[in-house]
Structure formats: structure tokens, C-alpha cells
């Protein structure tokens, strides 16, 4: 898969692993996505939708020409959350 969706997929995996569906109820993350998606937190549901849109945009020729902006937004958010490494002189 293209690297443009990697940041969203990582965020979705992290969200699923921290959700009550996996932590407290003991379901697999794949089960939570397929069978218990309405029980997931809103953040996980939004990440699931973003992942779908990112994968769909990879097939759309107009966005392939312009670039997949869905994944780029997630990458920017991830960079804002993690502190930048100190610059070496």
C-alpha cells in the first residue's frame, strides 16, 4: 500500500487497541471494526472513515495526479503531536 495512508492506518490501529472493545470486552481489532463498529469511540469511527477515503482516493485518477491529501493531513497531525528531534550543530 502507498505510504500516503500509513499515518492514518497507524492511528486507527492505535485507537482500536486502546478502545474498550479490545481492552475490556476482549475482541480482536478486526472484530471490532466489522461487527462492533457502532460501539467504537468517535475518534476511531472518524479514522475508519478517513482510512476508507484515503484508500478510495488512491484509485481515483484525479487525486492520483494531484496527490492523496487525506494521508498528508494525518501525517501533519502526527508530526504536530510528536516533538521535533533536537537539531545537531
N, C-alpha and C. Protein backbone atom coordinates (compact mmCIF):
# COMPACT_ATOMS: atom_id res chain seq x y z
N UNK A 1 0.84 -1.18 0.00
CA UNK A 1 0.00 0.00 0.00
C UNK A 1 0.88 1.23 0.00
N UNK A 2 0.35 2.28 -0.51
CA UNK A 2 1.09 3.52 -0.60
C UNK A 2 1.37 4.08 0.79
N UNK A 3 2.43 4.83 0.89
CA UNK A 3 2.80 5.41 2.18
C UNK A 3 1.92 6.59 2.56
N UNK A 4 1.08 7.08 1.64
CA UNK A 4 0.23 8.22 1.97
C UNK A 4 -0.85 7.87 2.98
N UNK A 5 -1.20 6.60 3.11
CA UNK A 5 -2.24 6.19 4.07
C UNK A 5 -1.65 5.58 5.34
N UNK A 6 -0.34 5.47 5.42
CA UNK A 6 0.29 4.81 6.57
C UNK A 6 0.00 5.51 7.89
N UNK A 7 0.03 6.82 7.90
CA UNK A 7 -0.20 7.55 9.15
C UNK A 7 -1.62 7.33 9.66
N UNK A 8 -2.59 7.31 8.76
CA UNK A 8 -3.98 7.08 9.17
C UNK A 8 -4.15 5.66 9.68
N UNK A 9 -3.54 4.69 8.99
CA UNK A 9 -3.65 3.30 9.42
C UNK A 9 -3.02 3.09 10.79
N UNK A 10 -1.88 3.71 11.03
CA UNK A 10 -1.24 3.59 12.34
C UNK A 10 -2.11 4.20 13.43
N UNK A 11 -2.71 5.35 13.14
CA UNK A 11 -3.58 5.99 14.12
C UNK A 11 -4.82 5.14 14.38
N UNK A 12 -5.37 4.52 13.34
CA UNK A 12 -6.54 3.66 13.50
C UNK A 12 -6.19 2.43 14.34
N UNK A 13 -5.05 1.81 14.07
CA UNK A 13 -4.62 0.65 14.85
C UNK A 13 -4.45 1.01 16.32
N UNK A 14 -3.81 2.15 16.56
CA UNK A 14 -3.59 2.60 17.93
C UNK A 14 -4.91 2.86 18.64
N UNK A 15 -5.84 3.49 17.93
CA UNK A 15 -7.15 3.80 18.51
C UNK A 15 -7.90 2.52 18.83
N UNK A 16 -7.86 1.56 17.92
CA UNK A 16 -8.56 0.29 18.15
C UNK A 16 -7.97 -0.46 19.34
N UNK A 17 -6.66 -0.49 19.44
CA UNK A 17 -6.02 -1.21 20.54
C UNK A 17 -6.32 -0.58 21.89
N UNK A 18 -6.59 0.72 21.91
CA UNK A 18 -6.89 1.42 23.16
C UNK A 18 -8.39 1.51 23.44
N UNK A 19 -9.22 0.99 22.55
CA UNK A 19 -10.67 1.09 22.72
C UNK A 19 -11.18 0.07 23.74
N UNK A 20 -12.35 0.32 24.29
CA UNK A 20 -12.97 -0.60 25.24
C UNK A 20 -13.32 -1.93 24.59
N UNK A 21 -13.62 -1.90 23.31
CA UNK A 21 -13.97 -3.12 22.58
C UNK A 21 -12.84 -4.15 22.66
N UNK A 22 -11.60 -3.68 22.57
CA UNK A 22 -10.45 -4.59 22.63
C UNK A 22 -10.00 -4.77 24.08
N UNK A 23 -9.88 -3.66 24.81
CA UNK A 23 -9.34 -3.70 26.16
C UNK A 23 -10.24 -4.44 27.14
N UNK A 24 -11.50 -4.06 27.22
CA UNK A 24 -12.40 -4.59 28.25
C UNK A 24 -13.21 -5.79 27.77
N UNK A 25 -13.65 -5.76 26.52
CA UNK A 25 -14.50 -6.85 26.03
C UNK A 25 -13.70 -7.99 25.43
N UNK A 26 -12.43 -7.78 25.13
CA UNK A 26 -11.56 -8.84 24.67
C UNK A 26 -11.73 -9.25 23.22
N UNK A 27 -12.34 -8.40 22.40
CA UNK A 27 -12.49 -8.72 20.98
C UNK A 27 -11.20 -8.41 20.24
N UNK A 28 -11.04 -9.05 19.09
CA UNK A 28 -9.93 -8.71 18.21
C UNK A 28 -10.22 -7.37 17.54
N UNK A 29 -9.18 -6.59 17.18
CA UNK A 29 -9.43 -5.32 16.49
C UNK A 29 -10.23 -5.49 15.21
N UNK A 30 -9.98 -6.58 14.47
CA UNK A 30 -10.74 -6.81 13.23
C UNK A 30 -12.20 -7.07 13.52
N UNK A 31 -12.49 -7.77 14.62
CA UNK A 31 -13.89 -8.00 15.02
C UNK A 31 -14.57 -6.69 15.39
N UNK A 32 -13.84 -5.83 16.07
CA UNK A 32 -14.40 -4.54 16.47
C UNK A 32 -14.75 -3.70 15.25
N UNK A 33 -13.90 -3.74 14.22
CA UNK A 33 -14.17 -2.97 13.01
C UNK A 33 -15.36 -3.51 12.24
N UNK A 34 -15.47 -4.83 12.16
CA UNK A 34 -16.51 -5.44 11.33
C UNK A 34 -17.85 -5.59 12.05
N UNK A 35 -17.83 -6.02 13.30
CA UNK A 35 -19.08 -6.38 13.98
C UNK A 35 -19.51 -5.40 15.06
N UNK A 36 -18.59 -4.64 15.61
CA UNK A 36 -18.90 -3.74 16.73
C UNK A 36 -18.51 -2.31 16.43
N UNK A 37 -18.60 -1.91 15.18
CA UNK A 37 -18.15 -0.57 14.80
C UNK A 37 -18.97 0.53 15.45
N UNK A 38 -20.22 0.26 15.76
CA UNK A 38 -21.05 1.29 16.40
C UNK A 38 -20.68 1.49 17.87
N UNK A 39 -19.93 0.56 18.46
CA UNK A 39 -19.50 0.67 19.85
C UNK A 39 -18.16 1.39 20.00
N UNK A 40 -17.49 1.63 18.89
CA UNK A 40 -16.17 2.27 18.94
C UNK A 40 -16.30 3.74 19.29
N UNK A 41 -15.25 4.32 19.89
CA UNK A 41 -15.25 5.77 20.15
C UNK A 41 -15.34 6.56 18.85
N UNK A 42 -15.80 7.78 18.95
CA UNK A 42 -15.99 8.61 17.77
C UNK A 42 -14.69 8.82 17.01
N UNK A 43 -13.58 8.95 17.72
CA UNK A 43 -12.29 9.14 17.06
C UNK A 43 -11.96 7.94 16.17
N UNK A 44 -12.20 6.73 16.65
CA UNK A 44 -11.93 5.53 15.85
C UNK A 44 -12.85 5.46 14.64
N UNK A 45 -14.09 5.86 14.81
CA UNK A 45 -15.03 5.85 13.68
C UNK A 45 -14.60 6.85 12.61
N UNK A 46 -14.13 8.02 13.04
CA UNK A 46 -13.65 9.01 12.08
C UNK A 46 -12.38 8.54 11.38
N UNK A 47 -11.49 7.89 12.11
CA UNK A 47 -10.27 7.36 11.49
C UNK A 47 -10.60 6.24 10.51
N UNK A 48 -11.61 5.45 10.83
CA UNK A 48 -12.04 4.38 9.91
C UNK A 48 -12.55 4.98 8.60
N UNK A 49 -13.34 6.04 8.72
CA UNK A 49 -13.86 6.70 7.52
C UNK A 49 -12.72 7.34 6.72
N UNK A 50 -11.77 7.95 7.41
CA UNK A 50 -10.63 8.57 6.74
C UNK A 50 -9.77 7.54 6.02
N UNK A 51 -9.62 6.37 6.64
CA UNK A 51 -8.86 5.29 6.01
C UNK A 51 -9.54 4.84 4.73
N UNK A 52 -10.87 4.70 4.78
CA UNK A 52 -11.62 4.32 3.59
C UNK A 52 -11.45 5.36 2.48
N UNK A 53 -11.58 6.63 2.84
CA UNK A 53 -11.45 7.70 1.84
C UNK A 53 -10.03 7.75 1.27
N UNK A 54 -9.03 7.50 2.10
CA UNK A 54 -7.65 7.52 1.63
C UNK A 54 -7.42 6.39 0.62
N UNK A 55 -7.91 5.20 0.94
CA UNK A 55 -7.75 4.07 0.01
C UNK A 55 -8.53 4.32 -1.29
N UNK A 56 -9.72 4.89 -1.16
CA UNK A 56 -10.52 5.17 -2.35
C UNK A 56 -9.84 6.22 -3.22
N UNK A 57 -9.25 7.23 -2.61
CA UNK A 57 -8.57 8.29 -3.37
C UNK A 57 -7.33 7.78 -4.09
N UNK A 58 -6.77 6.68 -3.61
CA UNK A 58 -5.62 6.11 -4.30
C UNK A 58 -6.02 5.55 -5.67
N UNK A 59 -7.28 5.18 -5.81
CA UNK A 59 -7.76 4.64 -7.08
C UNK A 59 -8.33 5.71 -8.01
N UNK A 60 -8.67 6.87 -7.47
CA UNK A 60 -9.24 7.95 -8.26
C UNK A 60 -8.13 8.65 -9.03
N UNK A 61 -8.25 8.67 -10.34
CA UNK A 61 -7.18 9.23 -11.17
C UNK A 61 -6.95 10.73 -10.92
N UNK A 62 -8.00 11.46 -10.59
CA UNK A 62 -7.82 12.89 -10.32
C UNK A 62 -6.96 13.12 -9.09
N UNK A 63 -7.21 12.34 -8.02
CA UNK A 63 -6.41 12.53 -6.81
C UNK A 63 -5.04 11.88 -6.95
N UNK A 64 -4.92 10.86 -7.80
CA UNK A 64 -3.60 10.27 -8.02
C UNK A 64 -2.70 11.29 -8.70
N UNK A 65 -3.27 12.10 -9.58
CA UNK A 65 -2.49 13.12 -10.27
C UNK A 65 -2.09 14.23 -9.30
N UNK A 66 -3.03 14.66 -8.46
CA UNK A 66 -2.79 15.76 -7.52
C UNK A 66 -2.09 15.32 -6.25
N UNK A 67 -2.25 14.07 -5.89
CA UNK A 67 -1.69 13.56 -4.64
C UNK A 67 -2.81 13.31 -3.65
N UNK A 68 -2.60 12.34 -2.79
CA UNK A 68 -3.60 11.94 -1.81
C UNK A 68 -3.51 12.86 -0.60
N UNK A 69 -4.41 13.80 -0.48
CA UNK A 69 -4.35 14.79 0.60
C UNK A 69 -4.86 14.25 1.91
N UNK A 70 -5.65 13.19 1.91
CA UNK A 70 -6.18 12.65 3.16
C UNK A 70 -5.04 12.16 4.04
N UNK A 71 -4.13 11.41 3.48
CA UNK A 71 -3.00 10.91 4.23
C UNK A 71 -2.03 11.99 4.63
N UNK A 72 -1.91 13.02 3.83
CA UNK A 72 -1.00 14.11 4.13
C UNK A 72 -1.46 14.87 5.36
N UNK A 73 -2.78 15.05 5.52
CA UNK A 73 -3.30 15.73 6.71
C UNK A 73 -2.98 14.94 7.97
N UNK A 74 -3.11 13.64 7.89
CA UNK A 74 -2.82 12.80 9.06
C UNK A 74 -1.33 12.85 9.40
N UNK A 75 -0.49 12.90 8.41
CA UNK A 75 0.95 12.98 8.64
C UNK A 75 1.30 14.29 9.33
N UNK A 76 0.66 15.38 8.92
CA UNK A 76 0.91 16.68 9.56
C UNK A 76 0.47 16.64 11.03
N UNK A 77 -0.69 16.02 11.31
CA UNK A 77 -1.16 15.91 12.69
C UNK A 77 -0.20 15.09 13.54
N UNK A 78 0.30 14.02 12.97
CA UNK A 78 1.22 13.15 13.70
C UNK A 78 2.50 13.91 14.01
N UNK A 79 2.98 14.72 13.08
CA UNK A 79 4.21 15.49 13.31
C UNK A 79 3.99 16.57 14.35
N UNK A 80 2.78 17.13 14.42
CA UNK A 80 2.49 18.15 15.42
C UNK A 80 2.44 17.54 16.81
N UNK A 81 1.95 16.31 16.93
CA UNK A 81 1.85 15.66 18.24
C UNK A 81 3.21 15.27 18.78
N UNK A 82 4.10 14.77 17.92
CA UNK A 82 5.41 14.35 18.38
C UNK A 82 6.37 15.51 18.31
N UNK A 83 7.16 15.72 19.37
CA UNK A 83 8.12 16.83 19.35
C UNK A 83 9.23 16.55 18.35
N UNK A 84 9.70 17.61 17.76
CA UNK A 84 10.77 17.52 16.77
C UNK A 84 12.07 17.15 17.48
N UNK A 85 12.90 16.30 16.87
CA UNK A 85 14.19 15.97 17.48
C UNK A 85 15.09 17.19 17.53
N UNK A 86 15.95 17.29 18.53
CA UNK A 86 16.84 18.46 18.62
C UNK A 86 17.81 18.49 17.44
N UNK A 87 18.03 19.68 16.95
CA UNK A 87 18.93 19.87 15.80
C UNK A 87 20.37 19.75 16.27
N UNK A 88 21.16 19.04 15.49
CA UNK A 88 22.58 18.89 15.84
C UNK A 88 23.36 20.00 15.16
N UNK A 89 24.36 20.50 15.86
CA UNK A 89 25.16 21.58 15.27
C UNK A 89 26.54 21.14 14.90
